[in-house]
C-alpha cells in the first residue's frame, strides 16, 4: 500500500510539473517575437480564416495589443480594427468574470455586414463581462451597414451651430 502511494505521489507531482512547464513555455513563447509571429500565422488556421492578426505586442495574457485585426467571412474582410489594445485580468475567469480594464482601438472600420457562415453556431459567453473603459475615437461605418449611399450627407449631423 505504501509503495502505491509513493507511485501515485510521484505521478501527480510529475503531471503538475509538466503542467507548470507547459504554462511557462506558453507565457514565455507568446511574449517573444518568434512566438508572436507563430501566433499570427496560426490564428487564421485556428479560426477557419475568419480572423487575421498583424503586429502582435503587449504582455501575454493580460495586456494584449495588435497593430491590426481583421475579421473575414466568405466575401472577404468585413471589419478592421487598427491599434487594438486589451488590458484585462484573465485569472478572474476562474471566478466567472471577464474583467476588462481597458478595451481600445485607434479606429474601427465596419465596411459591411458580416455574412453568416453556413455552419449554424450560436455564441454566448458563460461569464459575466465587466468593462471599465472603452476607447474608440474613430468608428467608420460603411454605407451598406448604415443604409445610405456613400457620399450623401442627407440627415448627417453637422455639429452645433457656430
N, C-alpha and C. Protein backbone atom coordinates (compact mmCIF):
# COMPACT_ATOMS: atom_id res chain seq x y z
N UNK A 1 0.83 -1.19 0.00
CA UNK A 1 0.00 0.00 0.00
C UNK A 1 0.87 1.24 0.00
N UNK A 2 1.95 1.19 0.76
CA UNK A 2 2.82 2.35 0.88
C UNK A 2 3.52 2.65 -0.45
N UNK A 3 3.90 1.59 -1.15
CA UNK A 3 4.56 1.75 -2.44
C UNK A 3 3.62 2.40 -3.46
N UNK A 4 2.36 1.99 -3.49
CA UNK A 4 1.41 2.56 -4.44
C UNK A 4 1.14 4.04 -4.14
N UNK A 5 1.18 4.41 -2.88
CA UNK A 5 1.00 5.82 -2.52
C UNK A 5 2.18 6.64 -3.02
N UNK A 6 3.39 6.09 -2.94
CA UNK A 6 4.57 6.81 -3.45
C UNK A 6 4.50 6.96 -4.96
N UNK A 7 4.10 5.90 -5.64
CA UNK A 7 3.97 5.95 -7.11
C UNK A 7 2.93 6.99 -7.50
N UNK A 8 1.81 6.99 -6.81
CA UNK A 8 0.76 7.97 -7.09
C UNK A 8 1.26 9.39 -6.84
N UNK A 9 1.98 9.60 -5.74
CA UNK A 9 2.51 10.93 -5.43
C UNK A 9 3.50 11.39 -6.50
N UNK A 10 4.40 10.50 -6.92
CA UNK A 10 5.37 10.86 -7.96
C UNK A 10 4.67 11.14 -9.30
N UNK A 11 3.65 10.36 -9.62
CA UNK A 11 2.90 10.56 -10.86
C UNK A 11 2.19 11.91 -10.85
N UNK A 12 1.50 12.22 -9.76
CA UNK A 12 0.80 13.51 -9.65
C UNK A 12 1.79 14.67 -9.66
N UNK A 13 2.92 14.51 -8.97
CA UNK A 13 3.95 15.55 -8.98
C UNK A 13 4.52 15.77 -10.37
N UNK A 14 4.73 14.67 -11.09
CA UNK A 14 5.24 14.77 -12.46
C UNK A 14 4.26 15.48 -13.38
N UNK A 15 2.98 15.14 -13.26
CA UNK A 15 1.95 15.79 -14.08
C UNK A 15 1.83 17.28 -13.75
N UNK A 16 1.89 17.60 -12.46
CA UNK A 16 1.84 19.00 -12.05
C UNK A 16 3.05 19.76 -12.59
N UNK A 17 4.22 19.15 -12.51
CA UNK A 17 5.44 19.76 -13.05
C UNK A 17 5.34 19.98 -14.55
N UNK A 18 4.79 19.00 -15.28
CA UNK A 18 4.60 19.14 -16.72
C UNK A 18 3.64 20.28 -17.04
N UNK A 19 2.56 20.37 -16.27
CA UNK A 19 1.60 21.45 -16.48
C UNK A 19 2.24 22.82 -16.25
N UNK A 20 3.01 22.96 -15.19
CA UNK A 20 3.71 24.22 -14.91
C UNK A 20 4.68 24.54 -16.05
N UNK A 21 5.40 23.54 -16.54
CA UNK A 21 6.34 23.75 -17.65
C UNK A 21 5.62 24.22 -18.91
N UNK A 22 4.49 23.60 -19.25
CA UNK A 22 3.74 23.98 -20.44
C UNK A 22 3.22 25.41 -20.32
N UNK A 23 2.67 25.76 -19.16
CA UNK A 23 2.17 27.12 -18.94
C UNK A 23 3.31 28.12 -19.05
N UNK A 24 4.44 27.83 -18.46
CA UNK A 24 5.60 28.73 -18.54
C UNK A 24 6.08 28.87 -19.97
N UNK A 25 6.10 27.77 -20.73
CA UNK A 25 6.53 27.82 -22.12
C UNK A 25 5.60 28.68 -22.96
N UNK A 26 4.30 28.57 -22.72
CA UNK A 26 3.33 29.38 -23.46
C UNK A 26 3.50 30.86 -23.09
N UNK A 27 3.64 31.15 -21.81
CA UNK A 27 3.80 32.54 -21.37
C UNK A 27 5.07 33.16 -21.96
N UNK A 28 6.17 32.43 -21.92
CA UNK A 28 7.42 32.95 -22.48
C UNK A 28 7.31 33.04 -24.01
N UNK A 29 6.81 31.99 -24.64
CA UNK A 29 6.72 31.96 -26.10
C UNK A 29 5.84 33.06 -26.67
N UNK A 30 4.75 33.37 -26.00
CA UNK A 30 3.83 34.40 -26.50
C UNK A 30 4.35 35.81 -26.26
N UNK A 31 5.43 35.94 -25.49
CA UNK A 31 5.96 37.27 -25.18
C UNK A 31 7.29 37.56 -25.85
N UNK A 32 7.68 36.72 -26.79
CA UNK A 32 8.88 36.98 -27.60
C UNK A 32 8.46 36.98 -29.06
N UNK A 33 9.21 37.68 -29.90
CA UNK A 33 8.80 37.89 -31.28
C UNK A 33 8.58 36.60 -32.08
N UNK A 34 9.44 35.59 -31.97
CA UNK A 34 9.14 34.37 -32.73
C UNK A 34 7.81 33.73 -32.32
N UNK A 35 7.47 33.77 -31.04
CA UNK A 35 6.20 33.23 -30.58
C UNK A 35 5.03 34.05 -31.10
N UNK A 36 5.18 35.35 -31.11
CA UNK A 36 4.12 36.22 -31.64
C UNK A 36 3.92 36.00 -33.14
N UNK A 37 5.03 35.82 -33.86
CA UNK A 37 4.93 35.53 -35.29
C UNK A 37 4.19 34.21 -35.52
N UNK A 38 4.48 33.22 -34.69
CA UNK A 38 3.79 31.93 -34.80
C UNK A 38 2.30 32.09 -34.53
N UNK A 39 1.94 32.87 -33.52
CA UNK A 39 0.53 33.11 -33.22
C UNK A 39 -0.16 33.80 -34.40
N UNK A 40 0.49 34.80 -34.99
CA UNK A 40 -0.09 35.48 -36.14
C UNK A 40 -0.33 34.51 -37.30
N UNK A 41 0.56 33.56 -37.50
CA UNK A 41 0.39 32.57 -38.57
C UNK A 41 -0.67 31.53 -38.23
N UNK A 42 -0.81 31.20 -36.95
CA UNK A 42 -1.74 30.14 -36.54
C UNK A 42 -3.19 30.60 -36.41
N UNK A 43 -3.42 31.86 -36.05
CA UNK A 43 -4.78 32.34 -35.81
C UNK A 43 -5.69 32.13 -37.03
N UNK A 44 -5.28 32.47 -38.26
CA UNK A 44 -6.18 32.21 -39.39
C UNK A 44 -6.50 30.71 -39.55
N UNK A 45 -5.53 29.86 -39.29
CA UNK A 45 -5.77 28.42 -39.40
C UNK A 45 -6.73 27.94 -38.33
N UNK A 46 -6.56 28.44 -37.11
CA UNK A 46 -7.40 28.00 -36.00
C UNK A 46 -8.82 28.56 -36.06
N UNK A 47 -9.00 29.68 -36.77
CA UNK A 47 -10.33 30.30 -36.87
C UNK A 47 -11.00 30.03 -38.22
N UNK A 48 -10.43 29.13 -39.00
CA UNK A 48 -11.00 28.85 -40.31
C UNK A 48 -10.88 30.03 -41.26
N UNK A 49 -9.89 30.90 -41.06
CA UNK A 49 -9.69 32.06 -41.91
C UNK A 49 -10.55 33.25 -41.54
N UNK A 50 -11.25 33.19 -40.42
CA UNK A 50 -12.15 34.28 -40.03
C UNK A 50 -11.45 35.44 -39.34
N UNK A 51 -10.23 35.24 -38.84
CA UNK A 51 -9.51 36.29 -38.10
C UNK A 51 -8.06 36.34 -38.60
N UNK A 52 -7.56 37.56 -38.82
CA UNK A 52 -6.16 37.79 -39.14
C UNK A 52 -5.60 38.83 -38.18
N UNK A 53 -4.40 38.57 -37.67
CA UNK A 53 -3.73 39.49 -36.76
C UNK A 53 -2.41 39.94 -37.38
N UNK A 54 -2.05 41.20 -37.12
CA UNK A 54 -0.75 41.73 -37.54
C UNK A 54 -0.20 42.57 -36.41
N UNK A 55 1.11 42.47 -36.19
CA UNK A 55 1.77 43.33 -35.22
C UNK A 55 1.40 43.06 -33.79
N UNK A 56 1.39 41.79 -33.40
CA UNK A 56 1.08 41.47 -32.00
C UNK A 56 2.10 42.08 -31.06
N UNK A 57 1.65 42.52 -29.91
CA UNK A 57 2.53 43.11 -28.92
C UNK A 57 1.91 43.02 -27.55
N UNK A 58 2.48 43.77 -26.63
CA UNK A 58 1.98 43.77 -25.26
C UNK A 58 2.51 42.59 -24.48
N UNK A 59 1.90 42.33 -23.35
CA UNK A 59 2.30 41.23 -22.48
C UNK A 59 1.19 40.20 -22.43
N UNK A 60 1.47 39.00 -22.90
CA UNK A 60 0.50 37.92 -22.87
C UNK A 60 0.46 37.32 -21.48
N UNK A 61 -0.70 37.09 -20.89
CA UNK A 61 -2.04 37.21 -21.46
C UNK A 61 -2.81 38.45 -21.04
N UNK A 62 -2.25 39.32 -20.20
CA UNK A 62 -3.06 40.36 -19.57
C UNK A 62 -3.08 41.71 -20.27
N UNK A 63 -2.10 42.02 -21.10
CA UNK A 63 -2.05 43.33 -21.77
C UNK A 63 -1.72 43.09 -23.24
N UNK A 64 -2.73 42.77 -24.01
CA UNK A 64 -2.55 42.39 -25.41
C UNK A 64 -2.72 43.59 -26.33
N UNK A 65 -1.97 43.57 -27.42
CA UNK A 65 -2.16 44.61 -28.43
C UNK A 65 -1.89 44.02 -29.80
N UNK A 66 -2.45 44.67 -30.80
CA UNK A 66 -2.22 44.28 -32.19
C UNK A 66 -2.30 45.53 -33.05
N UNK A 67 -1.41 45.64 -34.01
CA UNK A 67 -1.44 46.78 -34.91
C UNK A 67 -2.70 46.75 -35.77
N UNK A 68 -3.14 45.53 -36.13
CA UNK A 68 -4.31 45.40 -36.99
C UNK A 68 -4.99 44.05 -36.74
N UNK A 69 -6.31 44.09 -36.65
CA UNK A 69 -7.12 42.88 -36.53
C UNK A 69 -8.16 42.95 -37.64
N UNK A 70 -8.25 41.88 -38.41
CA UNK A 70 -9.25 41.81 -39.49
C UNK A 70 -10.18 40.64 -39.25
N UNK A 71 -11.48 40.88 -39.41
CA UNK A 71 -12.48 39.83 -39.35
C UNK A 71 -12.98 39.60 -40.77
N UNK A 72 -13.01 38.34 -41.17
CA UNK A 72 -13.36 37.98 -42.54
C UNK A 72 -14.50 36.98 -42.58
N UNK A 73 -15.16 36.93 -43.72
CA UNK A 73 -16.15 35.90 -44.00
C UNK A 73 -15.87 35.42 -45.42
N UNK A 74 -16.81 34.72 -46.02
CA UNK A 74 -16.56 34.16 -47.36
C UNK A 74 -16.42 35.22 -48.45
N UNK A 75 -16.85 36.45 -48.19
CA UNK A 75 -16.73 37.55 -49.16
C UNK A 75 -15.48 38.39 -48.94
N UNK A 76 -14.75 38.14 -47.88
CA UNK A 76 -13.54 38.91 -47.59
C UNK A 76 -13.65 39.66 -46.27
N UNK A 77 -12.87 40.73 -46.16
CA UNK A 77 -12.81 41.50 -44.92
C UNK A 77 -14.08 42.32 -44.73
N UNK A 78 -14.68 42.19 -43.54
CA UNK A 78 -15.87 42.99 -43.25
C UNK A 78 -15.63 43.96 -42.08
N UNK A 79 -14.59 43.72 -41.26
CA UNK A 79 -14.31 44.61 -40.14
C UNK A 79 -12.79 44.68 -39.93
N UNK A 80 -12.30 45.92 -39.76
CA UNK A 80 -10.87 46.14 -39.50
C UNK A 80 -10.74 46.98 -38.23
N UNK A 81 -9.89 46.53 -37.33
CA UNK A 81 -9.61 47.26 -36.10
C UNK A 81 -8.13 47.65 -36.12
N UNK A 82 -7.85 48.95 -36.04
CA UNK A 82 -6.48 49.44 -36.03
C UNK A 82 -6.04 49.74 -34.60
N UNK A 83 -4.81 49.35 -34.29
CA UNK A 83 -4.17 49.57 -32.98
C UNK A 83 -5.08 49.13 -31.83
N UNK A 84 -5.34 47.85 -31.81
CA UNK A 84 -6.19 47.21 -30.81
C UNK A 84 -5.41 47.03 -29.51
N UNK A 85 -6.06 47.32 -28.38
CA UNK A 85 -5.46 47.14 -27.05
C UNK A 85 -6.50 46.50 -26.13
N UNK A 86 -6.06 45.47 -25.39
CA UNK A 86 -6.92 44.81 -24.41
C UNK A 86 -6.12 44.61 -23.13
N UNK A 87 -6.52 45.35 -22.09
CA UNK A 87 -5.95 45.17 -20.75
C UNK A 87 -7.03 44.51 -19.91
N UNK A 88 -6.76 43.31 -19.44
CA UNK A 88 -7.77 42.58 -18.70
C UNK A 88 -7.12 41.68 -17.67
N UNK A 89 -7.96 41.03 -16.88
CA UNK A 89 -7.50 40.14 -15.82
C UNK A 89 -7.94 38.71 -16.15
N UNK A 90 -7.11 37.96 -16.88
CA UNK A 90 -7.53 36.61 -17.29
C UNK A 90 -7.77 35.67 -16.12
N UNK A 91 -7.10 35.88 -15.00
CA UNK A 91 -7.26 34.98 -13.86
C UNK A 91 -8.64 35.11 -13.23
N UNK A 92 -9.32 36.22 -13.48
CA UNK A 92 -10.68 36.39 -12.92
C UNK A 92 -11.70 35.51 -13.65
N UNK A 93 -11.29 34.93 -14.78
CA UNK A 93 -12.17 33.98 -15.45
C UNK A 93 -12.47 32.79 -14.54
N UNK A 94 -11.52 32.47 -13.68
CA UNK A 94 -11.73 31.37 -12.73
C UNK A 94 -12.88 31.67 -11.79
N UNK A 95 -13.21 32.96 -11.60
CA UNK A 95 -14.32 33.37 -10.75
C UNK A 95 -15.59 33.62 -11.55
N UNK A 96 -15.54 33.33 -12.87
CA UNK A 96 -16.71 33.51 -13.71
C UNK A 96 -16.91 34.93 -14.20
N UNK A 97 -15.84 35.73 -14.24
CA UNK A 97 -15.95 37.11 -14.67
C UNK A 97 -14.84 37.45 -15.67
N UNK A 98 -15.24 38.03 -16.79
CA UNK A 98 -14.28 38.57 -17.74
C UNK A 98 -14.13 40.05 -17.39
N UNK A 99 -13.11 40.37 -16.61
CA UNK A 99 -12.91 41.74 -16.14
C UNK A 99 -11.95 42.45 -17.09
N UNK A 100 -12.49 43.41 -17.85
CA UNK A 100 -11.70 44.16 -18.84
C UNK A 100 -11.49 45.56 -18.31
N UNK A 101 -10.23 45.89 -18.05
CA UNK A 101 -9.89 47.21 -17.54
C UNK A 101 -9.95 48.24 -18.67
N UNK A 102 -9.41 47.89 -19.83
CA UNK A 102 -9.42 48.82 -20.96
C UNK A 102 -9.49 48.06 -22.27
N UNK A 103 -10.43 48.45 -23.10
CA UNK A 103 -10.57 47.94 -24.46
C UNK A 103 -10.50 49.16 -25.36
N UNK A 104 -9.50 49.21 -26.24
CA UNK A 104 -9.29 50.41 -27.03
C UNK A 104 -8.88 50.06 -28.45
N UNK A 105 -9.14 51.00 -29.33
CA UNK A 105 -8.70 50.90 -30.72
C UNK A 105 -8.57 52.31 -31.26
N UNK A 106 -7.56 52.53 -32.10
CA UNK A 106 -7.42 53.84 -32.73
C UNK A 106 -8.57 54.07 -33.70
N UNK A 107 -9.03 53.00 -34.31
CA UNK A 107 -10.13 53.12 -35.24
C UNK A 107 -10.72 51.77 -35.59
N UNK A 108 -12.01 51.79 -35.89
CA UNK A 108 -12.71 50.60 -36.34
C UNK A 108 -13.40 50.96 -37.65
N UNK A 109 -13.23 50.10 -38.64
CA UNK A 109 -13.84 50.31 -39.95
C UNK A 109 -14.74 49.11 -40.23
N UNK A 110 -16.05 49.32 -40.06
CA UNK A 110 -17.02 48.27 -40.36
C UNK A 110 -17.49 48.49 -41.79
N UNK A 111 -16.87 47.79 -42.70
CA UNK A 111 -17.08 48.01 -44.14
C UNK A 111 -18.44 47.56 -44.62
N UNK A 112 -18.90 46.46 -44.05
CA UNK A 112 -20.19 45.90 -44.45
C UNK A 112 -20.64 44.95 -43.35
N UNK A 113 -21.82 44.42 -43.52
CA UNK A 113 -22.31 43.44 -42.54
C UNK A 113 -21.65 42.09 -42.79
N UNK A 114 -21.47 41.35 -41.72
CA UNK A 114 -20.90 40.01 -41.81
C UNK A 114 -21.90 39.07 -42.46
N UNK A 115 -21.40 38.25 -43.35
CA UNK A 115 -22.24 37.23 -43.97
C UNK A 115 -22.17 35.99 -43.08
N UNK A 116 -23.30 35.55 -42.55
CA UNK A 116 -23.27 34.38 -41.67
C UNK A 116 -22.73 33.15 -42.40
N UNK A 117 -22.00 32.33 -41.68
CA UNK A 117 -21.47 31.11 -42.29
C UNK A 117 -22.57 30.08 -42.43
N UNK A 118 -22.33 29.11 -43.28
CA UNK A 118 -23.34 28.07 -43.50
C UNK A 118 -23.45 27.14 -42.29
N UNK A 119 -22.38 27.09 -41.48
CA UNK A 119 -22.45 26.27 -40.27
C UNK A 119 -23.28 27.02 -39.23
N UNK A 120 -24.21 26.34 -38.66
CA UNK A 120 -25.02 27.01 -37.65
C UNK A 120 -24.31 26.92 -36.31
N UNK A 121 -24.09 28.07 -35.73
CA UNK A 121 -23.45 28.10 -34.42
C UNK A 121 -23.96 29.31 -33.65
N UNK A 122 -24.13 29.12 -32.38
CA UNK A 122 -24.52 30.25 -31.55
C UNK A 122 -23.39 30.48 -30.57
N UNK A 123 -23.18 31.73 -30.24
CA UNK A 123 -22.08 32.09 -29.37
C UNK A 123 -22.63 32.80 -28.15
N UNK A 124 -22.22 32.34 -27.00
CA UNK A 124 -22.59 33.04 -25.78
C UNK A 124 -21.44 32.89 -24.80
N UNK A 125 -21.23 33.92 -24.00
CA UNK A 125 -20.18 33.88 -23.01
C UNK A 125 -20.72 33.29 -21.72
N UNK A 126 -20.04 32.27 -21.19
CA UNK A 126 -20.52 31.67 -19.94
C UNK A 126 -20.03 32.44 -18.71
N UNK A 127 -19.65 33.69 -18.90
CA UNK A 127 -19.14 34.50 -17.80
C UNK A 127 -19.79 35.88 -17.83
N UNK A 128 -19.73 36.55 -16.71
CA UNK A 128 -20.18 37.94 -16.63
C UNK A 128 -19.05 38.82 -17.17
N UNK A 129 -19.38 39.81 -17.99
CA UNK A 129 -18.37 40.70 -18.56
C UNK A 129 -18.46 42.05 -17.86
N UNK A 130 -17.31 42.51 -17.35
CA UNK A 130 -17.21 43.84 -16.73
C UNK A 130 -16.22 44.66 -17.54
N UNK A 131 -16.69 45.74 -18.14
CA UNK A 131 -15.86 46.60 -18.97
C UNK A 131 -15.73 47.96 -18.29
N UNK A 132 -14.50 48.33 -17.91
CA UNK A 132 -14.27 49.57 -17.19
C UNK A 132 -14.08 50.77 -18.13
N UNK A 133 -13.36 50.56 -19.26
CA UNK A 133 -13.06 51.68 -20.16
C UNK A 133 -13.07 51.20 -21.61
N UNK A 134 -13.82 51.90 -22.45
CA UNK A 134 -13.87 51.63 -23.88
C UNK A 134 -13.47 52.90 -24.60
N UNK A 135 -12.43 52.82 -25.44
CA UNK A 135 -11.93 53.99 -26.15
C UNK A 135 -11.81 53.67 -27.64
N UNK A 136 -12.66 54.30 -28.44
CA UNK A 136 -12.61 54.15 -29.89
C UNK A 136 -12.89 55.53 -30.48
N UNK A 137 -11.82 56.32 -30.74
CA UNK A 137 -12.05 57.68 -31.23
C UNK A 137 -12.59 57.75 -32.66
N UNK A 138 -12.40 56.70 -33.45
CA UNK A 138 -12.90 56.71 -34.83
C UNK A 138 -13.60 55.40 -35.12
N UNK A 139 -14.90 55.48 -35.45
CA UNK A 139 -15.67 54.30 -35.82
C UNK A 139 -16.33 54.61 -37.16
N UNK A 140 -15.82 54.00 -38.20
CA UNK A 140 -16.33 54.25 -39.55
C UNK A 140 -17.28 53.13 -39.94
N UNK A 141 -18.46 53.51 -40.42
CA UNK A 141 -19.47 52.54 -40.82
C UNK A 141 -19.71 52.68 -42.31
N UNK A 142 -19.59 51.57 -43.03
CA UNK A 142 -19.81 51.58 -44.48
C UNK A 142 -21.27 51.83 -44.81
N UNK A 143 -21.50 52.30 -46.02
CA UNK A 143 -22.87 52.62 -46.45
C UNK A 143 -23.77 51.39 -46.45
N UNK A 144 -23.21 50.22 -46.71
CA UNK A 144 -24.02 49.00 -46.69
C UNK A 144 -24.55 48.71 -45.29
N UNK A 145 -23.83 49.16 -44.28
CA UNK A 145 -24.27 48.96 -42.90
C UNK A 145 -25.20 50.09 -42.48
N UNK A 146 -24.85 51.32 -42.84
CA UNK A 146 -25.61 52.50 -42.43
C UNK A 146 -26.94 52.61 -43.14
N UNK A 147 -27.05 51.99 -44.31
CA UNK A 147 -28.31 52.05 -45.05
C UNK A 147 -28.47 53.28 -45.91
N UNK A 148 -27.40 54.03 -46.16
CA UNK A 148 -27.45 55.19 -47.05
C UNK A 148 -26.33 55.04 -48.07
N UNK A 149 -26.48 55.73 -49.19
CA UNK A 149 -25.44 55.69 -50.21
C UNK A 149 -24.23 56.49 -49.74
N UNK A 150 -23.06 56.02 -50.10
CA UNK A 150 -21.83 56.73 -49.75
C UNK A 150 -21.81 58.09 -50.43
N UNK A 151 -21.35 59.09 -49.73
CA UNK A 151 -21.22 60.43 -50.30
C UNK A 151 -22.47 61.28 -50.16
N UNK A 152 -23.56 60.74 -49.67
CA UNK A 152 -24.79 61.52 -49.48
C UNK A 152 -24.91 61.93 -48.03
N UNK A 153 -24.73 63.22 -47.72
CA UNK A 153 -24.76 63.67 -46.34
C UNK A 153 -26.16 63.87 -45.77
N UNK A 154 -27.20 63.45 -46.49
CA UNK A 154 -28.56 63.64 -46.03
C UNK A 154 -28.75 63.09 -44.62
N UNK A 155 -29.23 63.96 -43.73
CA UNK A 155 -29.52 63.53 -42.37
C UNK A 155 -28.30 63.44 -41.47
N UNK A 156 -27.14 63.86 -41.97
CA UNK A 156 -25.94 63.79 -41.14
C UNK A 156 -25.91 64.96 -40.18
N UNK A 157 -25.43 64.73 -39.00
CA UNK A 157 -25.30 65.76 -38.01
C UNK A 157 -24.07 66.59 -38.33
N UNK A 158 -24.19 67.88 -38.42
CA UNK A 158 -23.10 68.77 -38.80
C UNK A 158 -22.43 69.43 -37.62
N UNK A 159 -22.88 69.17 -36.42
CA UNK A 159 -22.29 69.78 -35.24
C UNK A 159 -23.13 70.95 -34.76
N UNK A 160 -22.79 71.53 -33.63
CA UNK A 160 -23.58 72.64 -33.08
C UNK A 160 -23.39 73.89 -33.95
N UNK A 161 -24.40 74.75 -33.97
CA UNK A 161 -24.27 76.00 -34.75
C UNK A 161 -23.15 76.88 -34.19
N UNK A 162 -22.49 77.58 -35.09
CA UNK A 162 -21.35 78.42 -34.69
C UNK A 162 -21.80 79.71 -34.07
